[in-house]
Amino acid sequence: MKDFLYIGRPARVLFGAGSLQHLQREIDTIGASRALVLCTPQQREAGEQVAAILGARCAGLFDQAAMHVPIETAREARETARRLGADCAVAIGGGSTIGLGKAIALESPLPILAIPTTYAGSEMTTVFGITEGGVKKTGRDERVLPRTVIYDPELSAGLPRAMSVASGMNAIAHAAEGFYSVNTNPIIDLLAEEGIAAFGRALPVIAHGEAGSEALRQARYDALYGAWLCGTVLATVDMALHHKLCHTLGGSFGLPHAETHTVVLPQALAYNAPAAPEAMRRVARALGGASAPRAVFDLAQANGAPTSLRELGLKASDLDRACDLAMSNQYPNPRPLERAAIRQLLQDAFEGTRPA
């Protein structure tokens, strides 16, 4: 066993069906009294549900969270919180909404309480991302880590099946890169493999299970459990090629976050496979496959997720610029960054080629 450093970040996690009913108690626990509720326009109904539970403790509702957290939206949300006298923010939704909460916390003292309804895993990490001038900038800061996370599987029951699968594939990417991060450790390896296995069980049932069945209900539990584990992995390790490519494609070309991760992941794994054989073995084992890149690709394809960047709206003429952006910053990765090979990776992702 090699030497390692493990950092366990403090977070209060409440997991279980109906956990949302304890929201007021959790607000008390973090020492707050007036909460600004955050959500996307599409999830305003969920935001209103949270506001109703808070009652007089709700300072207001901000429903303009958007993908990749435009800096203008973050500034508007911070000003709204200040104007309404909010002393905390409650973010309900996926990575876009929780990311907005983090952007508020980055430049204000407001603590964040997160209620994830997708499997993005952002709620467990100190990672933030803000898009300015068409470029998404990411970083880590302890201030953005939500103080409390409420995982209520009942809240993910309305998540469309296609979105559920893409969100789950996004979570798998967090765990897969955790295996070969420069600062991984045995604890992270255990969490990563268990998290991927949970999604391997859950996603086929979520995609094809009978509506209202106990099997589908249990699959939602497994998926949210997997999201917690995979998010915890992402909180501890550095990101490598896969995440850097996805941030480039999302922030600079406006591609949807989870779907981009879904498409890029098998190709990024194939790129790194020769330099990270043990990581590939564990990913494959978690999914019950012989090849990690193929097992991930097949999981997405069999369950109706996109497999090509072309489907997501990227143009062939964008590939060279995407490659240039990906090569512009060097970062740790098992295999050195080679321009020709990364350009081929992007071509394969554009066409949706099953990894060889």
Protein backbone atom coordinates (compact mmCIF):
# COMPACT_ATOMS: atom_id res chain seq x y z
CA MET A 1 0.00 0.00 0.00
CA LYS A 2 1.33 3.45 -0.90
CA ASP A 3 1.42 6.44 1.45
CA PHE A 4 -1.55 8.78 1.22
CA LEU A 5 -3.33 11.80 2.66
CA TYR A 6 -7.06 11.65 3.34
CA ILE A 7 -9.12 14.75 4.18
CA GLY A 8 -12.64 14.16 5.48
CA ARG A 9 -14.64 17.34 5.01
CA PRO A 10 -17.39 18.12 7.53
CA ALA A 11 -20.92 17.83 6.25
CA ARG A 12 -24.20 17.02 7.90
CA VAL A 13 -26.06 14.51 5.73
CA LEU A 14 -29.69 13.58 6.20
CA PHE A 15 -30.72 10.64 3.97
CA GLY A 16 -34.13 9.03 3.64
CA ALA A 17 -37.60 9.24 2.17
CA GLY A 18 -39.47 12.24 3.55
CA SER A 19 -36.31 13.91 4.88
CA LEU A 20 -37.45 17.24 3.47
CA GLN A 21 -39.94 17.54 6.34
CA HIS A 22 -36.98 18.22 8.66
CA LEU A 23 -35.90 21.33 6.77
CA GLN A 24 -36.83 23.84 9.47
CA ARG A 25 -34.89 21.85 12.05
CA GLU A 26 -31.85 21.83 9.78
CA ILE A 27 -32.09 25.59 9.33
CA ASP A 28 -31.99 25.90 13.12
CA THR A 29 -29.00 23.56 13.28
CA ILE A 30 -26.84 25.85 11.13
CA GLY A 31 -27.90 28.86 13.22
CA ALA A 32 -29.89 30.63 10.51
CA SER A 33 -33.40 32.10 10.44
CA ARG A 34 -34.07 33.66 6.99
CA ALA A 35 -33.42 31.52 3.93
CA LEU A 36 -33.28 32.51 0.27
CA VAL A 37 -34.57 29.56 -1.76
CA LEU A 38 -32.72 28.90 -5.02
CA CYS A 39 -33.98 26.92 -8.02
CA THR A 40 -34.12 26.98 -11.81
CA PRO A 41 -37.16 28.38 -13.67
CA GLN A 42 -38.14 24.80 -14.54
CA GLN A 43 -38.10 23.78 -10.87
CA ARG A 44 -40.04 26.70 -9.48
CA GLU A 45 -42.73 24.34 -8.17
CA ALA A 46 -40.11 22.53 -6.07
CA GLY A 47 -38.78 25.88 -4.89
CA GLU A 48 -42.26 26.94 -3.84
CA GLN A 49 -42.66 23.65 -1.96
CA VAL A 50 -39.50 24.43 0.02
CA ALA A 51 -40.65 28.00 0.62
CA ALA A 52 -43.96 26.71 1.97
CA ILE A 53 -42.18 24.36 4.41
CA LEU A 54 -40.02 27.25 5.61
CA GLY A 55 -43.00 29.54 6.06
CA ALA A 56 -42.00 32.76 7.78
CA ARG A 57 -38.36 31.68 7.63
CA CYS A 58 -38.34 32.09 3.85
CA ALA A 59 -36.79 35.41 2.87
CA GLY A 60 -37.64 34.93 -0.80
CA LEU A 61 -37.37 32.73 -3.88
CA PHE A 62 -34.75 33.20 -6.62
CA ASP A 63 -35.62 31.00 -9.60
CA GLN A 64 -33.00 32.02 -12.16
CA ALA A 65 -30.31 29.37 -11.61
CA ALA A 66 -28.79 28.39 -14.95
CA MET A 67 -26.38 25.84 -16.37
CA HIS A 68 -22.66 26.56 -15.86
CA VAL A 69 -23.49 29.46 -13.46
CA PRO A 70 -23.16 32.64 -15.54
CA ILE A 71 -21.38 35.26 -13.47
CA GLU A 72 -24.20 37.74 -14.07
CA THR A 73 -26.70 35.36 -12.45
CA ALA A 74 -24.41 34.79 -9.48
CA ARG A 75 -24.10 38.54 -8.91
CA GLU A 76 -27.86 39.03 -9.16
CA ALA A 77 -28.51 36.23 -6.66
CA ARG A 78 -25.99 37.65 -4.17
CA GLU A 79 -27.61 41.08 -4.43
CA THR A 80 -31.07 39.54 -3.94
CA ALA A 81 -29.89 37.75 -0.79
CA ARG A 82 -28.42 40.98 0.56
CA ARG A 83 -31.52 43.03 -0.25
CA LEU A 84 -33.87 40.52 1.39
CA GLY A 85 -31.74 40.13 4.50
CA ALA A 86 -31.20 36.40 4.02
CA ASP A 87 -28.75 34.72 6.37
CA CYS A 88 -28.57 31.40 4.48
CA ALA A 89 -29.49 29.90 1.12
CA VAL A 90 -31.41 26.69 0.43
CA ALA A 91 -30.58 25.26 -3.01
CA ILE A 92 -33.00 22.66 -4.36
CA GLY A 93 -32.26 21.01 -7.69
CA GLY A 94 -29.24 19.75 -9.56
CA GLY A 95 -25.75 20.98 -10.24
CA SER A 96 -26.90 24.30 -11.71
CA THR A 97 -28.80 25.36 -8.60
CA ILE A 98 -26.27 24.04 -6.10
CA GLY A 99 -23.55 25.67 -8.18
CA LEU A 100 -25.38 28.98 -7.86
CA GLY A 101 -25.50 28.51 -4.09
CA LYS A 102 -21.76 27.96 -4.10
CA ALA A 103 -21.21 31.12 -6.14
CA ILE A 104 -23.13 33.07 -3.50
CA ALA A 105 -21.12 31.52 -0.67
CA LEU A 106 -17.85 32.23 -2.46
CA GLU A 107 -18.20 35.99 -1.96
CA SER A 108 -20.55 36.25 1.01
CA PRO A 109 -20.84 34.71 4.50
CA LEU A 110 -24.12 32.91 3.71
CA PRO A 111 -24.07 29.17 4.59
CA ILE A 112 -25.66 26.81 2.07
CA LEU A 113 -28.12 23.99 2.67
CA ALA A 114 -28.40 21.72 -0.38
CA ILE A 115 -31.34 19.53 -1.42
CA PRO A 116 -30.19 17.60 -4.51
CA THR A 117 -32.84 16.25 -6.88
CA THR A 118 -30.37 14.90 -9.45
CA TYR A 119 -27.20 12.83 -9.13
CA ALA A 120 -24.63 15.55 -9.91
CA GLY A 121 -22.88 15.21 -6.53
CA SER A 122 -21.88 18.87 -6.36
CA GLU A 123 -23.37 19.14 -2.90
CA MET A 124 -20.53 17.09 -1.40
CA THR A 125 -17.66 19.07 -2.88
CA THR A 126 -15.73 22.30 -2.49
CA VAL A 127 -15.60 22.56 -6.29
CA PHE A 128 -17.23 25.59 -7.89
CA GLY A 129 -17.58 26.72 -11.49
CA ILE A 130 -18.51 30.14 -12.88
CA THR A 131 -18.77 31.08 -16.56
CA GLU A 132 -17.61 34.52 -17.63
CA GLY A 133 -17.08 35.72 -21.18
CA GLY A 134 -17.76 32.26 -22.62
CA VAL A 135 -15.12 30.54 -20.47
CA LYS A 136 -15.97 28.34 -17.49
CA LYS A 137 -13.53 28.75 -14.63
CA THR A 138 -13.44 26.18 -11.87
CA GLY A 139 -11.77 26.09 -8.50
CA ARG A 140 -11.99 24.79 -4.95
CA ASP A 141 -12.79 26.73 -1.83
CA GLU A 142 -13.87 25.44 1.59
CA ARG A 143 -16.38 28.31 1.87
CA VAL A 144 -18.67 26.84 -0.81
CA LEU A 145 -19.18 23.43 0.82
CA PRO A 146 -22.85 23.13 1.87
CA ARG A 147 -23.23 22.93 5.64
CA THR A 148 -26.09 20.44 5.41
CA VAL A 149 -27.28 18.10 2.64
CA ILE A 150 -30.78 16.60 2.62
CA TYR A 151 -31.03 13.51 0.40
CA ASP A 152 -34.71 12.67 -0.06
CA PRO A 153 -35.19 9.97 -2.72
CA GLU A 154 -38.83 10.97 -3.11
CA LEU A 155 -37.70 14.27 -4.64
CA SER A 156 -35.98 12.48 -7.53
CA ALA A 157 -39.11 10.48 -8.44
CA GLY A 158 -40.17 13.15 -10.93
CA LEU A 159 -36.76 13.39 -12.61
CA PRO A 160 -37.27 12.32 -16.25
CA ARG A 161 -35.70 8.97 -17.06
CA ALA A 162 -33.36 10.29 -19.74
CA MET A 163 -32.14 13.05 -17.45
CA SER A 164 -31.71 10.54 -14.64
CA VAL A 165 -29.44 8.35 -16.76
CA ALA A 166 -27.30 11.26 -17.94
CA SER A 167 -27.01 12.61 -14.39
CA GLY A 168 -25.98 9.16 -13.18
CA MET A 169 -23.31 8.88 -15.88
CA ASN A 170 -22.01 12.27 -14.78
CA ALA A 171 -21.67 10.92 -11.24
CA ILE A 172 -19.86 7.80 -12.48
CA ALA A 173 -17.31 10.12 -14.10
CA HIS A 174 -16.49 11.64 -10.69
CA ALA A 175 -15.72 8.21 -9.26
CA ALA A 176 -13.89 6.86 -12.31
CA GLU A 177 -11.39 9.72 -12.33
CA GLY A 178 -10.96 9.30 -8.60
CA PHE A 179 -9.22 5.96 -9.16
CA TYR A 180 -6.30 7.49 -11.05
CA SER A 181 -6.09 10.90 -9.44
CA VAL A 182 -2.66 11.87 -8.15
CA ASN A 183 -4.13 12.21 -4.65
CA THR A 184 -6.36 9.17 -4.48
CA ASN A 185 -6.23 6.81 -1.50
CA PRO A 186 -7.69 3.45 -0.42
CA ILE A 187 -10.76 5.03 1.18
CA ILE A 188 -11.60 6.87 -2.03
CA ASP A 189 -11.11 3.69 -4.05
CA LEU A 190 -13.71 1.92 -1.92
CA LEU A 191 -16.21 4.77 -2.21
CA ALA A 192 -15.64 5.08 -5.95
CA GLU A 193 -16.18 1.41 -6.73
CA GLU A 194 -19.28 1.20 -4.53
CA GLY A 195 -20.69 4.38 -6.07
CA ILE A 196 -20.21 3.14 -9.64
CA ALA A 197 -21.71 -0.24 -8.73
CA ALA A 198 -24.77 1.49 -7.26
CA PHE A 199 -25.37 3.26 -10.55
CA GLY A 200 -24.71 0.07 -12.49
CA ARG A 201 -27.63 -1.46 -10.59
CA ALA A 202 -29.87 1.59 -10.65
CA LEU A 203 -29.69 3.08 -14.14
CA PRO A 204 -31.13 0.13 -16.13
CA VAL A 205 -34.11 -0.01 -13.75
CA ILE A 206 -34.62 3.75 -13.85
CA ALA A 207 -34.49 3.68 -17.66
CA HIS A 208 -36.75 0.67 -18.21
CA GLY A 209 -38.50 -0.15 -14.90
CA GLU A 210 -42.26 -0.16 -14.46
CA ALA A 211 -43.64 3.15 -13.27
CA GLY A 212 -44.65 3.04 -9.63
CA SER A 213 -42.93 -0.28 -8.98
CA GLU A 214 -40.97 -1.10 -5.84
CA ALA A 215 -37.98 -1.90 -8.06
CA LEU A 216 -38.03 1.61 -9.52
CA ARG A 217 -38.38 3.14 -6.06
CA GLN A 218 -35.37 1.16 -4.83
CA ALA A 219 -33.38 2.16 -7.91
CA ARG A 220 -33.94 5.82 -7.04
CA TYR A 221 -32.56 5.11 -3.57
CA ASP A 222 -29.52 3.36 -5.05
CA ALA A 223 -28.88 6.22 -7.46
CA LEU A 224 -29.03 8.90 -4.77
CA TYR A 225 -26.77 6.77 -2.57
CA GLY A 226 -24.36 6.47 -5.51
CA ALA A 227 -24.49 10.22 -6.06
CA TRP A 228 -23.46 10.80 -2.43
CA LEU A 229 -20.51 8.42 -2.74
CA CYS A 230 -19.35 9.69 -6.13
CA GLY A 231 -19.67 13.29 -4.99
CA THR A 232 -17.58 12.51 -1.93
CA VAL A 233 -14.89 11.12 -4.24
CA LEU A 234 -14.89 14.29 -6.32
CA ALA A 235 -14.55 16.34 -3.12
CA THR A 236 -11.27 14.62 -2.26
CA VAL A 237 -9.38 14.16 -5.53
CA ASP A 238 -8.08 16.40 -8.28
CA MET A 239 -9.81 16.35 -11.64
CA ALA A 240 -8.05 15.07 -14.74
CA LEU A 241 -8.61 14.99 -18.50
CA HIS A 242 -12.26 13.98 -18.51
CA HIS A 243 -13.49 16.83 -16.32
CA LYS A 244 -11.25 19.38 -18.01
CA LEU A 245 -12.65 18.44 -21.43
CA CYS A 246 -16.22 18.61 -20.18
CA HIS A 247 -15.71 22.01 -18.59
CA THR A 248 -14.28 23.25 -21.88
CA LEU A 249 -17.14 21.85 -23.95
CA GLY A 250 -19.79 23.08 -21.54
CA GLY A 251 -18.47 26.52 -20.75
CA SER A 252 -17.16 27.46 -24.20
CA PHE A 253 -19.72 25.76 -26.45
CA GLY A 254 -22.82 25.75 -24.25
CA LEU A 255 -23.28 21.99 -24.22
CA PRO A 256 -25.48 20.43 -21.51
CA HIS A 257 -23.46 19.41 -18.48
CA ALA A 258 -24.53 15.87 -17.64
CA GLU A 259 -24.96 14.78 -21.24
CA THR A 260 -21.49 16.03 -22.11
CA HIS A 261 -20.00 13.98 -19.27
CA THR A 262 -21.94 10.96 -20.54
CA VAL A 263 -20.49 11.24 -24.04
CA VAL A 264 -16.91 12.09 -23.11
CA LEU A 265 -16.37 9.61 -20.26
CA PRO A 266 -15.84 6.37 -22.24
CA GLN A 267 -13.50 8.15 -24.66
CA ALA A 268 -11.48 9.74 -21.84
CA LEU A 269 -11.21 6.36 -20.11
CA ALA A 270 -9.98 4.80 -23.35
CA TYR A 271 -7.36 7.56 -23.65
CA ASN A 272 -6.08 6.90 -20.13
CA ALA A 273 -6.49 3.11 -20.09
CA PRO A 274 -2.88 2.20 -21.03
CA ALA A 275 -1.55 4.36 -18.19
CA ALA A 276 -4.10 3.37 -15.51
CA PRO A 277 -4.79 -0.38 -15.77
CA GLU A 278 -5.80 -0.85 -12.12
CA ALA A 279 -8.31 1.97 -12.34
CA MET A 280 -9.82 0.42 -15.47
CA ARG A 281 -10.03 -2.97 -13.76
CA ARG A 282 -12.01 -1.53 -10.87
CA VAL A 283 -14.40 0.43 -13.09
CA ALA A 284 -15.02 -2.66 -15.19
CA ARG A 285 -15.58 -4.80 -12.08
CA ALA A 286 -18.06 -2.32 -10.65
CA LEU A 287 -20.10 -2.50 -13.86
CA GLY A 288 -19.67 -6.22 -14.43
CA GLY A 289 -17.80 -5.73 -17.70
CA ALA A 290 -14.48 -6.76 -19.21
CA SER A 291 -13.43 -3.31 -20.44
CA ALA A 292 -14.03 -0.10 -18.50
CA PRO A 293 -14.44 2.21 -21.54
CA ARG A 294 -16.79 -0.22 -23.27
CA ALA A 295 -18.77 -0.98 -20.11
CA VAL A 296 -19.38 2.74 -19.55
CA PHE A 297 -20.28 3.33 -23.22
CA ASP A 298 -22.65 0.35 -23.23
CA LEU A 299 -24.33 1.43 -19.99
CA ALA A 300 -25.12 4.81 -21.55
CA GLN A 301 -26.20 3.46 -24.91
CA ALA A 302 -28.38 0.65 -23.53
CA ASN A 303 -30.29 3.08 -21.35
CA GLY A 304 -31.03 5.76 -23.91
CA ALA A 305 -28.35 8.30 -23.10
CA PRO A 306 -26.57 10.28 -25.83
CA THR A 307 -23.28 8.86 -27.06
CA SER A 308 -22.06 11.58 -29.44
CA LEU A 309 -21.24 15.27 -29.19
CA ARG A 310 -22.98 15.72 -32.52
CA GLU A 311 -26.27 14.86 -30.79
CA LEU A 312 -25.62 17.60 -28.25
CA GLY A 313 -25.21 20.30 -30.89
CA LEU A 314 -21.43 20.57 -31.24
CA LYS A 315 -20.24 21.28 -34.77
CA ALA A 316 -17.39 19.47 -36.48
CA SER A 317 -15.79 22.86 -37.04
CA ASP A 318 -15.63 23.34 -33.24
CA LEU A 319 -13.36 20.35 -32.61
CA ASP A 320 -10.02 22.02 -33.35
CA ARG A 321 -10.83 24.95 -31.06
CA ALA A 322 -12.00 22.58 -28.33
CA CYS A 323 -8.71 20.73 -28.61
CA ASP A 324 -6.72 23.97 -28.42
CA LEU A 325 -8.61 24.99 -25.27
CA ALA A 326 -8.08 21.58 -23.70
CA MET A 327 -4.34 21.81 -24.35
CA SER A 328 -3.99 25.38 -23.13
CA ASN A 329 -3.67 24.41 -19.45
CA GLN A 330 -1.56 21.51 -18.25
CA TYR A 331 -2.82 19.42 -15.33
CA PRO A 332 -2.09 16.01 -13.79
CA ASN A 333 -3.34 13.08 -15.86
CA PRO A 334 -2.18 9.44 -15.99
CA ARG A 335 -1.26 9.76 -19.65
CA PRO A 336 0.54 12.89 -20.86
CA LEU A 337 -1.57 15.32 -22.85
CA GLU A 338 -0.85 14.64 -26.52
CA ARG A 339 -2.53 16.97 -28.97
CA ALA A 340 -3.06 14.48 -31.79
CA ALA A 341 -4.47 11.86 -29.44
CA ILE A 342 -6.80 14.32 -27.70
CA ARG A 343 -7.99 15.58 -31.08
CA GLN A 344 -8.81 11.96 -31.97
CA LEU A 345 -10.57 11.52 -28.62
CA LEU A 346 -12.77 14.51 -29.45
CA GLN A 347 -13.44 13.12 -32.93
CA ASP A 348 -14.51 9.79 -31.46
CA ALA A 349 -16.75 11.58 -28.96
CA PHE A 350 -18.21 13.70 -31.74
CA GLU A 351 -19.09 10.63 -33.78
CA GLY A 352 -20.13 8.44 -30.85
CA THR A 353 -17.61 5.69 -31.60
CA ARG A 354 -17.64 2.71 -29.23
CA PRO A 355 -14.12 2.52 -27.72
CA ALA A 356 -11.91 -0.07 -29.37
